[in-house]
């Protein structure tokens, strides 16, 4: 699942529109929608989204020996 798809699912489950989410993270809905279409959401923006929706966001690699690379 792409970051854009994850954000769309998150919005549905959080009962918030994409436009409202864009405003809450300080972007115009048009700009945010363009980023979603191009799938160019940065990790910083993903963290912002998690913060405004009060959810946890994690991104890391987990090696077979249990080592985590964040």
PDB file of N, CA and C in Angstrom:
ATOM      1  N   UNK A   1       0.850  -1.176   0.000  1.00  0.00           N
ATOM      2  CA  UNK A   1       0.000   0.000   0.000  1.00  0.00           C
ATOM      3  C   UNK A   1       0.895   1.238   0.000  1.00  0.00           C
ATOM      4  N   UNK A   2       0.609   2.173  -0.876  1.00  0.00           N
ATOM      5  CA  UNK A   2       1.404   3.398  -0.945  1.00  0.00           C
ATOM      6  C   UNK A   2       1.052   4.332   0.210  1.00  0.00           C
ATOM      7  N   UNK A   3       1.892   5.326   0.417  1.00  0.00           N
ATOM      8  CA  UNK A   3       1.627   6.322   1.464  1.00  0.00           C
ATOM      9  C   UNK A   3       0.307   7.033   1.195  1.00  0.00           C
ATOM     10  N   UNK A   4       0.053   7.348  -0.053  1.00  0.00           N
ATOM     11  CA  UNK A   4      -1.195   8.028  -0.416  1.00  0.00           C
ATOM     12  C   UNK A   4      -2.408   7.166  -0.073  1.00  0.00           C
ATOM     13  N   UNK A   5      -2.323   5.887  -0.367  1.00  0.00           N
ATOM     14  CA  UNK A   5      -3.427   4.981  -0.036  1.00  0.00           C
ATOM     15  C   UNK A   5      -3.606   4.880   1.475  1.00  0.00           C
ATOM     16  N   UNK A   6      -2.511   4.829   2.204  1.00  0.00           N
ATOM     17  CA  UNK A   6      -2.577   4.770   3.663  1.00  0.00           C
ATOM     18  C   UNK A   6      -3.282   6.003   4.223  1.00  0.00           C
ATOM     19  N   UNK A   7      -2.944   7.171   3.692  1.00  0.00           N
ATOM     20  CA  UNK A   7      -3.546   8.421   4.163  1.00  0.00           C
ATOM     21  C   UNK A   7      -5.040   8.427   3.882  1.00  0.00           C
ATOM     22  N   UNK A   8      -5.437   7.968   2.716  1.00  0.00           N
ATOM     23  CA  UNK A   8      -6.858   7.936   2.371  1.00  0.00           C
ATOM     24  C   UNK A   8      -7.635   7.000   3.294  1.00  0.00           C
ATOM     25  N   UNK A   9      -7.079   5.839   3.585  1.00  0.00           N
ATOM     26  CA  UNK A   9      -7.726   4.900   4.511  1.00  0.00           C
ATOM     27  C   UNK A   9      -7.791   5.508   5.908  1.00  0.00           C
ATOM     28  N   UNK A  10      -6.702   6.143   6.322  1.00  0.00           N
ATOM     29  CA  UNK A  10      -6.665   6.780   7.635  1.00  0.00           C
ATOM     30  C   UNK A  10      -7.742   7.852   7.763  1.00  0.00           C
ATOM     31  N   UNK A  11      -7.927   8.634   6.721  1.00  0.00           N
ATOM     32  CA  UNK A  11      -8.966   9.668   6.744  1.00  0.00           C
ATOM     33  C   UNK A  11     -10.362   9.062   6.883  1.00  0.00           C
ATOM     34  N   UNK A  12     -10.624   8.007   6.148  1.00  0.00           N
ATOM     35  CA  UNK A  12     -11.932   7.353   6.233  1.00  0.00           C
ATOM     36  C   UNK A  12     -12.155   6.829   7.651  1.00  0.00           C
ATOM     37  N   UNK A  13     -11.164   6.150   8.193  1.00  0.00           N
ATOM     38  CA  UNK A  13     -11.314   5.569   9.529  1.00  0.00           C
ATOM     39  C   UNK A  13     -11.341   6.622  10.629  1.00  0.00           C
ATOM     40  N   UNK A  14     -10.741   7.793  10.352  1.00  0.00           N
ATOM     41  CA  UNK A  14     -10.730   8.882  11.338  1.00  0.00           C
ATOM     42  C   UNK A  14     -11.880   9.852  11.127  1.00  0.00           C
ATOM     43  N   UNK A  15     -12.708   9.571  10.112  1.00  0.00           N
ATOM     44  CA  UNK A  15     -13.877  10.393   9.805  1.00  0.00           C
ATOM     45  C   UNK A  15     -13.493  11.853   9.560  1.00  0.00           C
ATOM     46  N   UNK A  16     -12.507  12.055   8.694  1.00  0.00           N
ATOM     47  CA  UNK A  16     -12.045  13.390   8.333  1.00  0.00           C
ATOM     48  C   UNK A  16     -11.827  13.426   6.822  1.00  0.00           C
ATOM     49  N   UNK A  17     -12.101  14.552   6.220  1.00  0.00           N
ATOM     50  CA  UNK A  17     -11.887  14.669   4.777  1.00  0.00           C
ATOM     51  C   UNK A  17     -10.422  14.959   4.489  1.00  0.00           C
ATOM     52  N   UNK A  18     -10.010  14.669   3.284  1.00  0.00           N
ATOM     53  CA  UNK A  18      -8.645  14.986   2.865  1.00  0.00           C
ATOM     54  C   UNK A  18      -8.405  16.491   2.909  1.00  0.00           C
ATOM     55  N   UNK A  19      -9.419  17.268   2.559  1.00  0.00           N
ATOM     56  CA  UNK A  19      -9.297  18.728   2.597  1.00  0.00           C
ATOM     57  C   UNK A  19      -9.063  19.233   4.015  1.00  0.00           C
ATOM     58  N   UNK A  20      -9.801  18.691   4.954  1.00  0.00           N
ATOM     59  CA  UNK A  20      -9.633  19.096   6.352  1.00  0.00           C
ATOM     60  C   UNK A  20      -8.267  18.682   6.872  1.00  0.00           C
ATOM     61  N   UNK A  21      -7.810  17.504   6.506  1.00  0.00           N
ATOM     62  CA  UNK A  21      -6.486  17.059   6.917  1.00  0.00           C
ATOM     63  C   UNK A  21      -5.426  18.007   6.358  1.00  0.00           C
ATOM     64  N   UNK A  22      -5.561  18.374   5.112  1.00  0.00           N
ATOM     65  CA  UNK A  22      -4.607  19.306   4.494  1.00  0.00           C
ATOM     66  C   UNK A  22      -4.539  20.604   5.280  1.00  0.00           C
ATOM     67  N   UNK A  23      -5.694  21.158   5.623  1.00  0.00           N
ATOM     68  CA  UNK A  23      -5.720  22.406   6.386  1.00  0.00           C
ATOM     69  C   UNK A  23      -5.054  22.239   7.751  1.00  0.00           C
ATOM     70  N   UNK A  24      -5.293  21.108   8.396  1.00  0.00           N
ATOM     71  CA  UNK A  24      -4.715  20.878   9.726  1.00  0.00           C
ATOM     72  C   UNK A  24      -3.194  20.760   9.704  1.00  0.00           C
ATOM     73  N   UNK A  25      -2.638  20.348   8.560  1.00  0.00           N
ATOM     74  CA  UNK A  25      -1.171  20.259   8.485  1.00  0.00           C
ATOM     75  C   UNK A  25      -0.581  21.479   7.765  1.00  0.00           C
ATOM     76  N   UNK A  26      -1.403  22.498   7.564  1.00  0.00           N
ATOM     77  CA  UNK A  26      -0.910  23.758   7.020  1.00  0.00           C
ATOM     78  C   UNK A  26      -0.704  23.794   5.522  1.00  0.00           C
ATOM     79  N   UNK A  27      -1.448  22.986   4.787  1.00  0.00           N
ATOM     80  CA  UNK A  27      -1.353  22.977   3.329  1.00  0.00           C
ATOM     81  C   UNK A  27      -2.712  23.269   2.717  1.00  0.00           C
ATOM     82  N   UNK A  28      -2.685  23.741   1.493  1.00  0.00           N
ATOM     83  CA  UNK A  28      -3.954  23.918   0.800  1.00  0.00           C
ATOM     84  C   UNK A  28      -4.438  22.541   0.337  1.00  0.00           C
ATOM     85  N   UNK A  29      -5.734  22.362   0.272  1.00  0.00           N
ATOM     86  CA  UNK A  29      -6.245  21.084  -0.224  1.00  0.00           C
ATOM     87  C   UNK A  29      -5.739  20.758  -1.627  1.00  0.00           C
ATOM     88  N   UNK A  30      -5.593  21.769  -2.482  1.00  0.00           N
ATOM     89  CA  UNK A  30      -5.131  21.540  -3.852  1.00  0.00           C
ATOM     90  C   UNK A  30      -3.699  21.009  -3.854  1.00  0.00           C
ATOM     91  N   UNK A  31      -2.820  21.629  -3.065  1.00  0.00           N
ATOM     92  CA  UNK A  31      -1.428  21.207  -3.009  1.00  0.00           C
ATOM     93  C   UNK A  31      -1.317  19.789  -2.436  1.00  0.00           C
ATOM     94  N   UNK A  32      -2.060  19.545  -1.372  1.00  0.00           N
ATOM     95  CA  UNK A  32      -2.015  18.233  -0.728  1.00  0.00           C
ATOM     96  C   UNK A  32      -2.532  17.154  -1.671  1.00  0.00           C
ATOM     97  N   UNK A  33      -3.610  17.450  -2.383  1.00  0.00           N
ATOM     98  CA  UNK A  33      -4.174  16.490  -3.336  1.00  0.00           C
ATOM     99  C   UNK A  33      -3.175  16.179  -4.448  1.00  0.00           C
ATOM    100  N   UNK A  34      -2.443  17.179  -4.895  1.00  0.00           N
ATOM    101  CA  UNK A  34      -1.415  16.958  -5.913  1.00  0.00           C
ATOM    102  C   UNK A  34      -0.327  16.026  -5.395  1.00  0.00           C
ATOM    103  N   UNK A  35       0.076  16.212  -4.157  1.00  0.00           N
ATOM    104  CA  UNK A  35       1.089  15.339  -3.564  1.00  0.00           C
ATOM    105  C   UNK A  35       0.572  13.907  -3.455  1.00  0.00           C
ATOM    106  N   UNK A  36      -0.701  13.757  -3.110  1.00  0.00           N
ATOM    107  CA  UNK A  36      -1.286  12.419  -3.022  1.00  0.00           C
ATOM    108  C   UNK A  36      -1.300  11.750  -4.389  1.00  0.00           C
ATOM    109  N   UNK A  37      -1.665  12.501  -5.418  1.00  0.00           N
ATOM    110  CA  UNK A  37      -1.715  11.934  -6.771  1.00  0.00           C
ATOM    111  C   UNK A  37      -0.340  11.486  -7.247  1.00  0.00           C
ATOM    112  N   UNK A  38       0.693  12.264  -6.887  1.00  0.00           N
ATOM    113  CA  UNK A  38       2.061  11.928  -7.296  1.00  0.00           C
ATOM    114  C   UNK A  38       2.744  10.992  -6.301  1.00  0.00           C
ATOM    115  N   UNK A  39       2.085  10.750  -5.167  1.00  0.00           N
ATOM    116  CA  UNK A  39       2.633   9.939  -4.077  1.00  0.00           C
ATOM    117  C   UNK A  39       3.999  10.483  -3.628  1.00  0.00           C
ATOM    118  N   UNK A  40       4.011  11.792  -3.359  1.00  0.00           N
ATOM    119  CA  UNK A  40       5.248  12.453  -2.933  1.00  0.00           C
ATOM    120  C   UNK A  40       5.122  13.027  -1.522  1.00  0.00           C
ATOM    121  N   UNK A  41       4.448  12.314  -0.653  1.00  0.00           N
ATOM    122  CA  UNK A  41       4.311  12.729   0.733  1.00  0.00           C
ATOM    123  C   UNK A  41       5.616  12.393   1.456  1.00  0.00           C
ATOM    124  N   UNK A  42       6.178  13.383   2.133  1.00  0.00           N
ATOM    125  CA  UNK A  42       7.444  13.158   2.835  1.00  0.00           C
ATOM    126  C   UNK A  42       7.211  12.488   4.187  1.00  0.00           C
ATOM    127  N   UNK A  43       8.289  11.956   4.736  1.00  0.00           N
ATOM    128  CA  UNK A  43       8.192  11.347   6.063  1.00  0.00           C
ATOM    129  C   UNK A  43       7.810  12.400   7.096  1.00  0.00           C
ATOM    130  N   UNK A  44       8.328  13.614   6.946  1.00  0.00           N
ATOM    131  CA  UNK A  44       7.976  14.713   7.854  1.00  0.00           C
ATOM    132  C   UNK A  44       6.467  14.974   7.825  1.00  0.00           C
ATOM    133  N   UNK A  45       5.891  14.948   6.627  1.00  0.00           N
ATOM    134  CA  UNK A  45       4.449  15.155   6.497  1.00  0.00           C
ATOM    135  C   UNK A  45       3.665  13.995   7.100  1.00  0.00           C
ATOM    136  N   UNK A  46       4.167  12.787   6.960  1.00  0.00           N
ATOM    137  CA  UNK A  46       3.505  11.625   7.570  1.00  0.00           C
ATOM    138  C   UNK A  46       3.478  11.784   9.096  1.00  0.00           C
ATOM    139  N   UNK A  47       4.561  12.272   9.658  1.00  0.00           N
ATOM    140  CA  UNK A  47       4.624  12.499  11.107  1.00  0.00           C
ATOM    141  C   UNK A  47       3.650  13.596  11.509  1.00  0.00           C
ATOM    142  N   UNK A  48       3.569  14.663  10.720  1.00  0.00           N
ATOM    143  CA  UNK A  48       2.603  15.736  10.990  1.00  0.00           C
ATOM    144  C   UNK A  48       1.174  15.191  10.979  1.00  0.00           C
ATOM    145  N   UNK A  49       0.873  14.379   9.989  1.00  0.00           N
ATOM    146  CA  UNK A  49      -0.470  13.790   9.878  1.00  0.00           C
ATOM    147  C   UNK A  49      -0.777  12.957  11.115  1.00  0.00           C
ATOM    148  N   UNK A  50       0.169  12.137  11.523  1.00  0.00           N
ATOM    149  CA  UNK A  50      -0.026  11.313  12.725  1.00  0.00           C
ATOM    150  C   UNK A  50      -0.281  12.191  13.940  1.00  0.00           C
ATOM    151  N   UNK A  51       0.471  13.276  14.060  1.00  0.00           N
ATOM    152  CA  UNK A  51       0.310  14.160  15.220  1.00  0.00           C
ATOM    153  C   UNK A  51      -1.054  14.826  15.253  1.00  0.00           C
ATOM    154  N   UNK A  52      -1.515  15.346  14.114  1.00  0.00           N
ATOM    155  CA  UNK A  52      -2.802  16.049  14.121  1.00  0.00           C
ATOM    156  C   UNK A  52      -3.978  15.090  14.284  1.00  0.00           C
ATOM    157  N   UNK A  53      -3.795  13.822  13.909  1.00  0.00           N
ATOM    158  CA  UNK A  53      -4.874  12.840  14.070  1.00  0.00           C
ATOM    159  C   UNK A  53      -4.711  11.998  15.341  1.00  0.00           C
ATOM    160  N   UNK A  54      -3.660  12.308  16.096  1.00  0.00           N
ATOM    161  CA  UNK A  54      -3.412  11.619  17.368  1.00  0.00           C
ATOM    162  C   UNK A  54      -3.304  10.103  17.186  1.00  0.00           C
ATOM    163  N   UNK A  55      -2.501   9.719  16.190  1.00  0.00           N
ATOM    164  CA  UNK A  55      -2.225   8.302  15.941  1.00  0.00           C
ATOM    165  C   UNK A  55      -0.712   8.119  15.931  1.00  0.00           C
ATOM    166  N   UNK A  56      -0.277   6.889  15.993  1.00  0.00           N
ATOM    167  CA  UNK A  56       1.140   6.571  15.996  1.00  0.00           C
ATOM    168  C   UNK A  56       1.589   6.247  14.574  1.00  0.00           C
ATOM    169  N   UNK A  57       2.739   6.784  14.180  1.00  0.00           N
ATOM    170  CA  UNK A  57       3.317   6.500  12.869  1.00  0.00           C
ATOM    171  C   UNK A  57       4.708   5.941  13.069  1.00  0.00           C
ATOM    172  N   UNK A  58       4.988   4.802  12.440  1.00  0.00           N
ATOM    173  CA  UNK A  58       6.301   4.175  12.531  1.00  0.00           C
ATOM    174  C   UNK A  58       6.775   3.808  11.136  1.00  0.00           C
ATOM    175  N   UNK A  59       8.059   4.062  10.891  1.00  0.00           N
ATOM    176  CA  UNK A  59       8.651   3.628   9.630  1.00  0.00           C
ATOM    177  C   UNK A  59      10.054   3.136   9.945  1.00  0.00           C
ATOM    178  N   UNK A  60      10.293   1.861   9.646  1.00  0.00           N
ATOM    179  CA  UNK A  60      11.601   1.291   9.928  1.00  0.00           C
ATOM    180  C   UNK A  60      11.777  -0.023   9.183  1.00  0.00           C
ATOM    181  N   UNK A  61      13.040  -0.462   9.135  1.00  0.00           N
ATOM    182  CA  UNK A  61      13.365  -1.785   8.604  1.00  0.00           C
ATOM    183  C   UNK A  61      13.663  -2.685   9.793  1.00  0.00           C
ATOM    184  N   UNK A  62      13.209  -3.912   9.733  1.00  0.00           N
ATOM    185  CA  UNK A  62      13.457  -4.883  10.785  1.00  0.00           C
ATOM    186  C   UNK A  62      14.240  -6.046  10.180  1.00  0.00           C
ATOM    187  N   UNK A  63      15.497  -6.180  10.598  1.00  0.00           N
ATOM    188  CA  UNK A  63      16.349  -7.243  10.074  1.00  0.00           C
ATOM    189  C   UNK A  63      16.006  -8.578  10.719  1.00  0.00           C
ATOM    190  N   UNK A  64      16.415  -9.657  10.092  1.00  0.00           N
ATOM    191  CA  UNK A  64      16.092 -10.992  10.600  1.00  0.00           C
ATOM    192  C   UNK A  64      16.672 -11.264  11.988  1.00  0.00           C
ATOM    193  N   UNK A  65      17.733 -10.537  12.345  1.00  0.00           N
ATOM    194  CA  UNK A  65      18.311 -10.716  13.691  1.00  0.00           C
ATOM    195  C   UNK A  65      17.624  -9.859  14.742  1.00  0.00           C
ATOM    196  N   UNK A  66      16.563  -9.168  14.353  1.00  0.00           N
ATOM    197  CA  UNK A  66      15.814  -8.354  15.288  1.00  0.00           C
ATOM    198  C   UNK A  66      16.257  -6.900  15.343  1.00  0.00           C
ATOM    199  N   UNK A  67      17.353  -6.580  14.649  1.00  0.00           N
ATOM    200  CA  UNK A  67      17.837  -5.208  14.640  1.00  0.00           C
ATOM    201  C   UNK A  67      16.879  -4.315  13.861  1.00  0.00           C
ATOM    202  N   UNK A  68      16.612  -3.132  14.408  1.00  0.00           N
ATOM    203  CA  UNK A  68      15.687  -2.198  13.791  1.00  0.00           C
ATOM    204  C   UNK A  68      16.474  -1.012  13.260  1.00  0.00           C
ATOM    205  N   UNK A  69      16.217  -0.646  12.022  1.00  0.00           N
ATOM    206  CA  UNK A  69      16.826   0.537  11.423  1.00  0.00           C
ATOM    207  C   UNK A  69      15.711   1.532  11.157  1.00  0.00           C
ATOM    208  N   UNK A  70      15.764   2.631  11.897  1.00  0.00           N
ATOM    209  CA  UNK A  70      14.714   3.654  11.761  1.00  0.00           C
ATOM    210  C   UNK A  70      15.159   4.774  10.881  1.00  0.00           C
TER     211      UNK A  70
END
